Amino acid sequence: MTAIPKPAKAKKAASARPQLTEYDYQEIGEKLKDAQEFESEVEITIFHRKQHERFVGVISSADGQTGVLSLRVGYEDVKINMNDIVGIE
């Protein structure tokens, strides 16, 4: 009797974290800085727990040491890990 190998598991492309270039990180950083300086409303897209989430609000604070961004959404503050940000408009 011969052993039949199991087929390799296929990775899901939809759940893969988007690969950002250095240019993408610079662009995100500049947009965050401008939005905080002018207190303008932004739409931030993050990739967290294998899915994309969108937040629309005004940046209340950003801490580069801890990597946490506070976004005021309506009457509540949402804390976002800056490493999870994949897009900003």
PDB file of N, CA and C in Angstrom:
ATOM      1  N   MET A   1       0.850  -1.174   0.000  1.00  0.00           N
ATOM      2  CA  MET A   1       0.000   0.000   0.000  1.00  0.00           C
ATOM      3  C   MET A   1       0.891   1.232   0.000  1.00  0.00           C
ATOM      4  N   THR A   2       0.573   2.193  -0.864  1.00  0.00           N
ATOM      5  CA  THR A   2       1.377   3.401  -0.938  1.00  0.00           C
ATOM      6  C   THR A   2       0.620   4.565  -0.316  1.00  0.00           C
ATOM      7  N   ALA A   3       1.361   5.450   0.280  1.00  0.00           N
ATOM      8  CA  ALA A   3       0.768   6.619   0.930  1.00  0.00           C
ATOM      9  C   ALA A   3       0.535   7.718  -0.109  1.00  0.00           C
ATOM     10  N   ILE A   4      -0.632   8.326  -0.025  1.00  0.00           N
ATOM     11  CA  ILE A   4      -0.957   9.422  -0.927  1.00  0.00           C
ATOM     12  C   ILE A   4      -0.809  10.719  -0.150  1.00  0.00           C
ATOM     13  N   PRO A   5       0.031  11.637  -0.632  1.00  0.00           N
ATOM     14  CA  PRO A   5       0.229  12.894   0.112  1.00  0.00           C
ATOM     15  C   PRO A   5      -1.016  13.783   0.031  1.00  0.00           C
ATOM     16  N   LYS A   6      -1.216  14.533   1.101  1.00  0.00           N
ATOM     17  CA  LYS A   6      -2.344  15.464   1.143  1.00  0.00           C
ATOM     18  C   LYS A   6      -2.035  16.655   0.249  1.00  0.00           C
ATOM     19  N   PRO A   7      -3.053  17.209  -0.378  1.00  0.00           N
ATOM     20  CA  PRO A   7      -2.797  18.398  -1.199  1.00  0.00           C
ATOM     21  C   PRO A   7      -2.439  19.598  -0.319  1.00  0.00           C
ATOM     22  N   ALA A   8      -1.614  20.467  -0.857  1.00  0.00           N
ATOM     23  CA  ALA A   8      -1.188  21.653  -0.100  1.00  0.00           C
ATOM     24  C   ALA A   8      -2.379  22.589   0.090  1.00  0.00           C
ATOM     25  N   LYS A   9      -2.425  23.221   1.258  1.00  0.00           N
ATOM     26  CA  LYS A   9      -3.512  24.150   1.532  1.00  0.00           C
ATOM     27  C   LYS A   9      -3.285  25.429   0.751  1.00  0.00           C
ATOM     28  N   ALA A  10      -4.327  25.884   0.103  1.00  0.00           N
ATOM     29  CA  ALA A  10      -4.246  27.123  -0.666  1.00  0.00           C
ATOM     30  C   ALA A  10      -4.469  28.302   0.270  1.00  0.00           C
ATOM     31  N   LYS A  11      -3.625  29.312   0.137  1.00  0.00           N
ATOM     32  CA  LYS A  11      -3.791  30.512   0.951  1.00  0.00           C
ATOM     33  C   LYS A  11      -4.836  31.401   0.315  1.00  0.00           C
ATOM     34  N   LYS A  12      -5.644  32.029   1.149  1.00  0.00           N
ATOM     35  CA  LYS A  12      -6.671  32.927   0.650  1.00  0.00           C
ATOM     36  C   LYS A  12      -6.030  34.268   0.315  1.00  0.00           C
ATOM     37  N   ALA A  13      -6.225  34.710  -0.909  1.00  0.00           N
ATOM     38  CA  ALA A  13      -5.647  35.979  -1.337  1.00  0.00           C
ATOM     39  C   ALA A  13      -6.385  37.158  -0.716  1.00  0.00           C
ATOM     40  N   ALA A  14      -7.670  36.998  -0.433  1.00  0.00           N
ATOM     41  CA  ALA A  14      -8.457  38.108   0.111  1.00  0.00           C
ATOM     42  C   ALA A  14      -8.052  38.455   1.537  1.00  0.00           C
ATOM     43  N   SER A  15      -7.543  37.493   2.277  1.00  0.00           N
ATOM     44  CA  SER A  15      -7.195  37.755   3.671  1.00  0.00           C
ATOM     45  C   SER A  15      -5.718  38.129   3.846  1.00  0.00           C
ATOM     46  N   ALA A  16      -4.977  38.218   2.746  1.00  0.00           N
ATOM     47  CA  ALA A  16      -3.566  38.573   2.836  1.00  0.00           C
ATOM     48  C   ALA A  16      -3.410  40.065   3.105  1.00  0.00           C
ATOM     49  N   ARG A  17      -2.472  40.397   3.950  1.00  0.00           N
ATOM     50  CA  ARG A  17      -2.217  41.800   4.279  1.00  0.00           C
ATOM     51  C   ARG A  17      -1.638  42.511   3.056  1.00  0.00           C
ATOM     52  N   PRO A  18      -2.158  43.691   2.733  1.00  0.00           N
ATOM     53  CA  PRO A  18      -1.634  44.437   1.586  1.00  0.00           C
ATOM     54  C   PRO A  18      -0.175  44.830   1.807  1.00  0.00           C
ATOM     55  N   GLN A  19       0.623  44.705   0.763  1.00  0.00           N
ATOM     56  CA  GLN A  19       2.030  45.069   0.838  1.00  0.00           C
ATOM     57  C   GLN A  19       2.182  46.532   0.430  1.00  0.00           C
ATOM     58  N   LEU A  20       2.682  47.359   1.330  1.00  0.00           N
ATOM     59  CA  LEU A  20       2.872  48.777   1.058  1.00  0.00           C
ATOM     60  C   LEU A  20       4.347  49.064   0.811  1.00  0.00           C
ATOM     61  N   THR A  21       4.602  49.986  -0.092  1.00  0.00           N
ATOM     62  CA  THR A  21       5.975  50.386  -0.386  1.00  0.00           C
ATOM     63  C   THR A  21       6.361  51.556   0.515  1.00  0.00           C
ATOM     64  N   GLU A  22       7.617  51.925   0.473  1.00  0.00           N
ATOM     65  CA  GLU A  22       8.082  53.068   1.266  1.00  0.00           C
ATOM     66  C   GLU A  22       7.373  54.346   0.826  1.00  0.00           C
ATOM     67  N   TYR A  23       7.109  54.460  -0.467  1.00  0.00           N
ATOM     68  CA  TYR A  23       6.378  55.618  -0.982  1.00  0.00           C
ATOM     69  C   TYR A  23       4.971  55.690  -0.377  1.00  0.00           C
ATOM     70  N   ASP A  24       4.305  54.539  -0.266  1.00  0.00           N
ATOM     71  CA  ASP A  24       2.965  54.498   0.337  1.00  0.00           C
ATOM     72  C   ASP A  24       3.001  54.982   1.782  1.00  0.00           C
ATOM     73  N   TYR A  25       4.006  54.542   2.543  1.00  0.00           N
ATOM     74  CA  TYR A  25       4.131  54.959   3.944  1.00  0.00           C
ATOM     75  C   TYR A  25       4.385  56.466   4.049  1.00  0.00           C
ATOM     76  N   GLN A  26       5.211  57.010   3.145  1.00  0.00           N
ATOM     77  CA  GLN A  26       5.471  58.448   3.161  1.00  0.00           C
ATOM     78  C   GLN A  26       4.200  59.233   2.849  1.00  0.00           C
ATOM     79  N   GLU A  27       3.440  58.755   1.867  1.00  0.00           N
ATOM     80  CA  GLU A  27       2.207  59.429   1.486  1.00  0.00           C
ATOM     81  C   GLU A  27       1.188  59.404   2.628  1.00  0.00           C
ATOM     82  N   ILE A  28       1.058  58.265   3.299  1.00  0.00           N
ATOM     83  CA  ILE A  28       0.145  58.151   4.441  1.00  0.00           C
ATOM     84  C   ILE A  28       0.583  59.100   5.549  1.00  0.00           C
ATOM     85  N   GLY A  29       1.891  59.153   5.819  1.00  0.00           N
ATOM     86  CA  GLY A  29       2.411  60.038   6.864  1.00  0.00           C
ATOM     87  C   GLY A  29       2.137  61.502   6.570  1.00  0.00           C
ATOM     88  N   GLU A  30       2.324  61.912   5.319  1.00  0.00           N
ATOM     89  CA  GLU A  30       2.079  63.305   4.945  1.00  0.00           C
ATOM     90  C   GLU A  30       0.598  63.659   5.064  1.00  0.00           C
ATOM     91  N   LYS A  31      -0.264  62.755   4.627  1.00  0.00           N
ATOM     92  CA  LYS A  31      -1.703  63.016   4.706  1.00  0.00           C
ATOM     93  C   LYS A  31      -2.165  63.072   6.158  1.00  0.00           C
ATOM     94  N   LEU A  32      -1.612  62.205   7.013  1.00  0.00           N
ATOM     95  CA  LEU A  32      -1.957  62.244   8.438  1.00  0.00           C
ATOM     96  C   LEU A  32      -1.520  63.564   9.061  1.00  0.00           C
ATOM     97  N   LYS A  33      -0.310  64.000   8.720  1.00  0.00           N
ATOM     98  CA  LYS A  33       0.209  65.248   9.279  1.00  0.00           C
ATOM     99  C   LYS A  33      -0.644  66.438   8.847  1.00  0.00           C
ATOM    100  N   ASP A  34      -1.003  66.482   7.563  1.00  0.00           N
ATOM    101  CA  ASP A  34      -1.839  67.575   7.057  1.00  0.00           C
ATOM    102  C   ASP A  34      -3.220  67.565   7.693  1.00  0.00           C
ATOM    103  N   ALA A  35      -3.805  66.386   7.818  1.00  0.00           N
ATOM    104  CA  ALA A  35      -5.144  66.282   8.405  1.00  0.00           C
ATOM    105  C   ALA A  35      -5.146  66.708   9.864  1.00  0.00           C
ATOM    106  N   GLN A  36      -4.080  66.379  10.595  1.00  0.00           N
ATOM    107  CA  GLN A  36      -4.006  66.776  11.999  1.00  0.00           C
ATOM    108  C   GLN A  36      -3.764  68.284  12.119  1.00  0.00           C
ATOM    109  N   GLU A  37      -2.928  68.822  11.257  1.00  0.00           N
ATOM    110  CA  GLU A  37      -2.601  70.247  11.315  1.00  0.00           C
ATOM    111  C   GLU A  37      -3.820  71.123  11.006  1.00  0.00           C
ATOM    112  N   PHE A  38      -4.587  70.741   9.997  1.00  0.00           N
ATOM    113  CA  PHE A  38      -5.729  71.541   9.577  1.00  0.00           C
ATOM    114  C   PHE A  38      -7.057  71.074  10.182  1.00  0.00           C
ATOM    115  N   GLU A  39      -7.004  70.045  11.029  1.00  0.00           N
ATOM    116  CA  GLU A  39      -8.184  69.470  11.678  1.00  0.00           C
ATOM    117  C   GLU A  39      -9.282  69.151  10.674  1.00  0.00           C
ATOM    118  N   SER A  40      -8.893  68.536   9.562  1.00  0.00           N
ATOM    119  CA  SER A  40      -9.859  68.175   8.529  1.00  0.00           C
ATOM    120  C   SER A  40     -10.308  66.723   8.704  1.00  0.00           C
ATOM    121  N   GLU A  41     -11.488  66.422   8.171  1.00  0.00           N
ATOM    122  CA  GLU A  41     -12.039  65.075   8.289  1.00  0.00           C
ATOM    123  C   GLU A  41     -11.329  64.157   7.296  1.00  0.00           C
ATOM    124  N   VAL A  42     -11.004  62.960   7.743  1.00  0.00           N
ATOM    125  CA  VAL A  42     -10.300  61.987   6.907  1.00  0.00           C
ATOM    126  C   VAL A  42     -11.022  60.646   6.948  1.00  0.00           C
ATOM    127  N   GLU A  43     -10.782  59.853   5.929  1.00  0.00           N
ATOM    128  CA  GLU A  43     -11.267  58.475   5.902  1.00  0.00           C
ATOM    129  C   GLU A  43     -10.040  57.574   5.951  1.00  0.00           C
ATOM    130  N   ILE A  44      -9.926  56.810   7.028  1.00  0.00           N
ATOM    131  CA  ILE A  44      -8.766  55.947   7.236  1.00  0.00           C
ATOM    132  C   ILE A  44      -9.193  54.500   7.057  1.00  0.00           C
ATOM    133  N   THR A  45      -8.443  53.773   6.230  1.00  0.00           N
ATOM    134  CA  THR A  45      -8.688  52.353   6.016  1.00  0.00           C
ATOM    135  C   THR A  45      -7.589  51.575   6.735  1.00  0.00           C
ATOM    136  N   ILE A  46      -8.011  50.629   7.588  1.00  0.00           N
ATOM    137  CA  ILE A  46      -7.030  49.793   8.281  1.00  0.00           C
ATOM    138  C   ILE A  46      -7.276  48.331   7.914  1.00  0.00           C
ATOM    139  N   PHE A  47      -6.254  47.520   8.101  1.00  0.00           N
ATOM    140  CA  PHE A  47      -6.356  46.079   7.908  1.00  0.00           C
ATOM    141  C   PHE A  47      -6.119  45.443   9.264  1.00  0.00           C
ATOM    142  N   HIS A  48      -7.194  44.922   9.861  1.00  0.00           N
ATOM    143  CA  HIS A  48      -7.133  44.389  11.214  1.00  0.00           C
ATOM    144  C   HIS A  48      -7.936  43.100  11.268  1.00  0.00           C
ATOM    145  N   ARG A  49      -7.347  42.068  11.840  1.00  0.00           N
ATOM    146  CA  ARG A  49      -7.994  40.760  11.964  1.00  0.00           C
ATOM    147  C   ARG A  49      -8.472  40.221  10.612  1.00  0.00           C
ATOM    148  N   LYS A  50      -7.591  40.306   9.629  1.00  0.00           N
ATOM    149  CA  LYS A  50      -7.798  39.772   8.286  1.00  0.00           C
ATOM    150  C   LYS A  50      -8.980  40.393   7.546  1.00  0.00           C
ATOM    151  N   GLN A  51      -9.305  41.650   7.875  1.00  0.00           N
ATOM    152  CA  GLN A  51     -10.350  42.346   7.131  1.00  0.00           C
ATOM    153  C   GLN A  51     -10.084  43.841   7.136  1.00  0.00           C
ATOM    154  N   HIS A  52     -10.637  44.516   6.147  1.00  0.00           N
ATOM    155  CA  HIS A  52     -10.495  45.966   6.041  1.00  0.00           C
ATOM    156  C   HIS A  52     -11.609  46.640   6.822  1.00  0.00           C
ATOM    157  N   GLU A  53     -11.273  47.713   7.518  1.00  0.00           N
ATOM    158  CA  GLU A  53     -12.253  48.518   8.241  1.00  0.00           C
ATOM    159  C   GLU A  53     -12.007  49.973   7.882  1.00  0.00           C
ATOM    160  N   ARG A  54     -13.095  50.739   7.779  1.00  0.00           N
ATOM    161  CA  ARG A  54     -12.984  52.166   7.448  1.00  0.00           C
ATOM    162  C   ARG A  54     -13.515  53.001   8.599  1.00  0.00           C
ATOM    163  N   PHE A  55     -12.803  54.091   8.870  1.00  0.00           N
ATOM    164  CA  PHE A  55     -13.201  55.050   9.895  1.00  0.00           C
ATOM    165  C   PHE A  55     -13.172  56.436   9.275  1.00  0.00           C
ATOM    166  N   VAL A  56     -14.200  57.231   9.545  1.00  0.00           N
ATOM    167  CA  VAL A  56     -14.251  58.610   9.061  1.00  0.00           C
ATOM    168  C   VAL A  56     -14.355  59.506  10.279  1.00  0.00           C
ATOM    169  N   GLY A  57     -13.413  60.439  10.408  1.00  0.00           N
ATOM    170  CA  GLY A  57     -13.423  61.339  11.552  1.00  0.00           C
ATOM    171  C   GLY A  57     -12.293  62.346  11.475  1.00  0.00           C
ATOM    172  N   VAL A  58     -12.073  63.030  12.603  1.00  0.00           N
ATOM    173  CA  VAL A  58     -11.038  64.048  12.718  1.00  0.00           C
ATOM    174  C   VAL A  58      -9.959  63.524  13.660  1.00  0.00           C
ATOM    175  N   ILE A  59      -8.703  63.689  13.274  1.00  0.00           N
ATOM    176  CA  ILE A  59      -7.593  63.219  14.101  1.00  0.00           C
ATOM    177  C   ILE A  59      -7.475  64.117  15.321  1.00  0.00           C
ATOM    178  N   SER A  60      -7.584  63.531  16.519  1.00  0.00           N
ATOM    179  CA  SER A  60      -7.469  64.317  17.741  1.00  0.00           C
ATOM    180  C   SER A  60      -6.040  64.288  18.282  1.00  0.00           C
ATOM    181  N   SER A  61      -5.333  63.177  18.118  1.00  0.00           N
ATOM    182  CA  SER A  61      -3.933  63.112  18.537  1.00  0.00           C
ATOM    183  C   SER A  61      -3.231  61.952  17.829  1.00  0.00           C
ATOM    184  N   ALA A  62      -1.917  62.078  17.740  1.00  0.00           N
ATOM    185  CA  ALA A  62      -1.093  61.024  17.154  1.00  0.00           C
ATOM    186  C   ALA A  62       0.181  60.921  17.975  1.00  0.00           C
ATOM    187  N   ASP A  63       0.506  59.717  18.405  1.00  0.00           N
ATOM    188  CA  ASP A  63       1.698  59.490  19.214  1.00  0.00           C
ATOM    189  C   ASP A  63       2.640  58.568  18.443  1.00  0.00           C
ATOM    190  N   GLY A  64       3.748  59.121  17.968  1.00  0.00           N
ATOM    191  CA  GLY A  64       4.703  58.347  17.200  1.00  0.00           C
ATOM    192  C   GLY A  64       5.468  57.329  18.021  1.00  0.00           C
ATOM    193  N   GLN A  65       5.627  57.590  19.312  1.00  0.00           N
ATOM    194  CA  GLN A  65       6.371  56.660  20.176  1.00  0.00           C
ATOM    195  C   GLN A  65       5.611  55.348  20.371  1.00  0.00           C
ATOM    196  N   THR A  66       4.320  55.454  20.648  1.00  0.00           N
ATOM    197  CA  THR A  66       3.520  54.247  20.872  1.00  0.00           C
ATOM    198  C   THR A  66       2.867  53.753  19.594  1.00  0.00           C
ATOM    199  N   GLY A  67       2.824  54.606  18.554  1.00  0.00           N
ATOM    200  CA  GLY A  67       2.220  54.208  17.291  1.00  0.00           C
ATOM    201  C   GLY A  67       0.710  54.181  17.340  1.00  0.00           C
ATOM    202  N   VAL A  68       0.111  55.044  18.164  1.00  0.00           N
ATOM    203  CA  VAL A  68      -1.338  55.078  18.319  1.00  0.00           C
ATOM    204  C   VAL A  68      -1.887  56.401  17.799  1.00  0.00           C
ATOM    205  N   LEU A  69      -2.939  56.311  17.031  1.00  0.00           N
ATOM    206  CA  LEU A  69      -3.613  57.472  16.464  1.00  0.00           C
ATOM    207  C   LEU A  69      -5.014  57.526  17.064  1.00  0.00           C
ATOM    208  N   SER A  70      -5.410  58.688  17.595  1.00  0.00           N
ATOM    209  CA  SER A  70      -6.759  58.849  18.137  1.00  0.00           C
ATOM    210  C   SER A  70      -7.588  59.605  17.115  1.00  0.00           C
ATOM    211  N   LEU A  71      -8.698  59.006  16.745  1.00  0.00           N
ATOM    212  CA  LEU A  71      -9.584  59.572  15.744  1.00  0.00           C
ATOM    213  C   LEU A  71     -10.935  59.838  16.390  1.00  0.00           C
ATOM    214  N   ARG A  72     -11.413  61.078  16.275  1.00  0.00           N
ATOM    215  CA  ARG A  72     -12.708  61.439  16.844  1.00  0.00           C
ATOM    216  C   ARG A  72     -13.787  61.124  15.806  1.00  0.00           C
ATOM    217  N   VAL A  73     -14.586  60.106  16.094  1.00  0.00           N
ATOM    218  CA  VAL A  73     -15.670  59.676  15.213  1.00  0.00           C
ATOM    219  C   VAL A  73     -16.972  60.001  15.921  1.00  0.00           C
ATOM    220  N   GLY A  74     -17.632  61.058  15.482  1.00  0.00           N
ATOM    221  CA  GLY A  74     -18.845  61.493  16.169  1.00  0.00           C
ATOM    222  C   GLY A  74     -18.479  62.014  17.541  1.00  0.00           C
ATOM    223  N   TYR A  75     -19.035  61.388  18.585  1.00  0.00           N
ATOM    224  CA  TYR A  75     -18.756  61.809  19.955  1.00  0.00           C
ATOM    225  C   TYR A  75     -17.815  60.855  20.688  1.00  0.00           C
ATOM    226  N   GLU A  76     -17.238  59.917  19.988  1.00  0.00           N
ATOM    227  CA  GLU A  76     -16.333  58.976  20.643  1.00  0.00           C
ATOM    228  C   GLU A  76     -14.959  59.000  19.994  1.00  0.00           C
ATOM    229  N   ASP A  77     -13.948  58.631  20.765  1.00  0.00           N
ATOM    230  CA  ASP A  77     -12.578  58.538  20.264  1.00  0.00           C
ATOM    231  C   ASP A  77     -12.258  57.080  19.964  1.00  0.00           C
ATOM    232  N   VAL A  78     -11.684  56.856  18.787  1.00  0.00           N
ATOM    233  CA  VAL A  78     -11.266  55.521  18.379  1.00  0.00           C
ATOM    234  C   VAL A  78      -9.751  55.523  18.312  1.00  0.00           C
ATOM    235  N   LYS A  79      -9.116  54.551  18.949  1.00  0.00           N
ATOM    236  CA  LYS A  79      -7.661  54.442  18.917  1.00  0.00           C
ATOM    237  C   LYS A  79      -7.285  53.434  17.843  1.00  0.00           C
ATOM    238  N   ILE A  80      -6.369  53.858  16.971  1.00  0.00           N
ATOM    239  CA  ILE A  80      -5.953  53.037  15.835  1.00  0.00           C
ATOM    240  C   ILE A  80      -4.447  52.832  15.892  1.00  0.00           C
ATOM    241  N   ASN A  81      -4.015  51.595  15.694  1.00  0.00           N
ATOM    242  CA  ASN A  81      -2.590  51.293  15.603  1.00  0.00           C
ATOM    243  C   ASN A  81      -2.104  51.770  14.227  1.00  0.00           C
ATOM    244  N   MET A  82      -1.084  52.617  14.204  1.00  0.00           N
ATOM    245  CA  MET A  82      -0.609  53.185  12.953  1.00  0.00           C
ATOM    246  C   MET A  82      -0.054  52.131  12.004  1.00  0.00           C
ATOM    247  N   ASN A  83       0.392  51.004  12.525  1.00  0.00           N
ATOM    248  CA  ASN A  83       0.909  49.942  11.677  1.00  0.00           C
ATOM    249  C   ASN A  83      -0.199  49.250  10.896  1.00  0.00           C
ATOM    250  N   ASP A  84      -1.457  49.408  11.315  1.00  0.00           N
ATOM    251  CA  ASP A  84      -2.586  48.778  10.638  1.00  0.00           C
ATOM    252  C   ASP A  84      -3.139  49.627   9.496  1.00  0.00           C
ATOM    253  N   ILE A  85      -2.703  50.884   9.378  1.00  0.00           N
ATOM    254  CA  ILE A  85      -3.252  51.783   8.362  1.00  0.00           C
ATOM    255  C   ILE A  85      -2.727  51.375   6.980  1.00  0.00           C
ATOM    256  N   VAL A  86      -3.673  51.190   6.029  1.00  0.00           N
ATOM    257  CA  VAL A  86      -3.294  50.841   4.662  1.00  0.00           C
ATOM    258  C   VAL A  86      -3.723  51.913   3.660  1.00  0.00           C
ATOM    259  N   GLY A  87      -4.534  52.870   4.089  1.00  0.00           N
ATOM    260  CA  GLY A  87      -4.948  53.926   3.177  1.00  0.00           C
ATOM    261  C   GLY A  87      -5.587  55.082   3.914  1.00  0.00           C
ATOM    262  N   ILE A  88      -5.513  56.274   3.304  1.00  0.00           N
ATOM    263  CA  ILE A  88      -6.114  57.466   3.896  1.00  0.00           C
ATOM    264  C   ILE A  88      -6.546  58.387   2.765  1.00  0.00           C
ATOM    265  N   GLU A  89      -7.711  58.971   2.939  1.00  0.00           N
ATOM    266  CA  GLU A  89      -8.227  59.926   1.956  1.00  0.00           C
ATOM    267  C   GLU A  89      -8.729  61.151   2.669  1.00  0.00           C
TER     268      GLU A  89
END
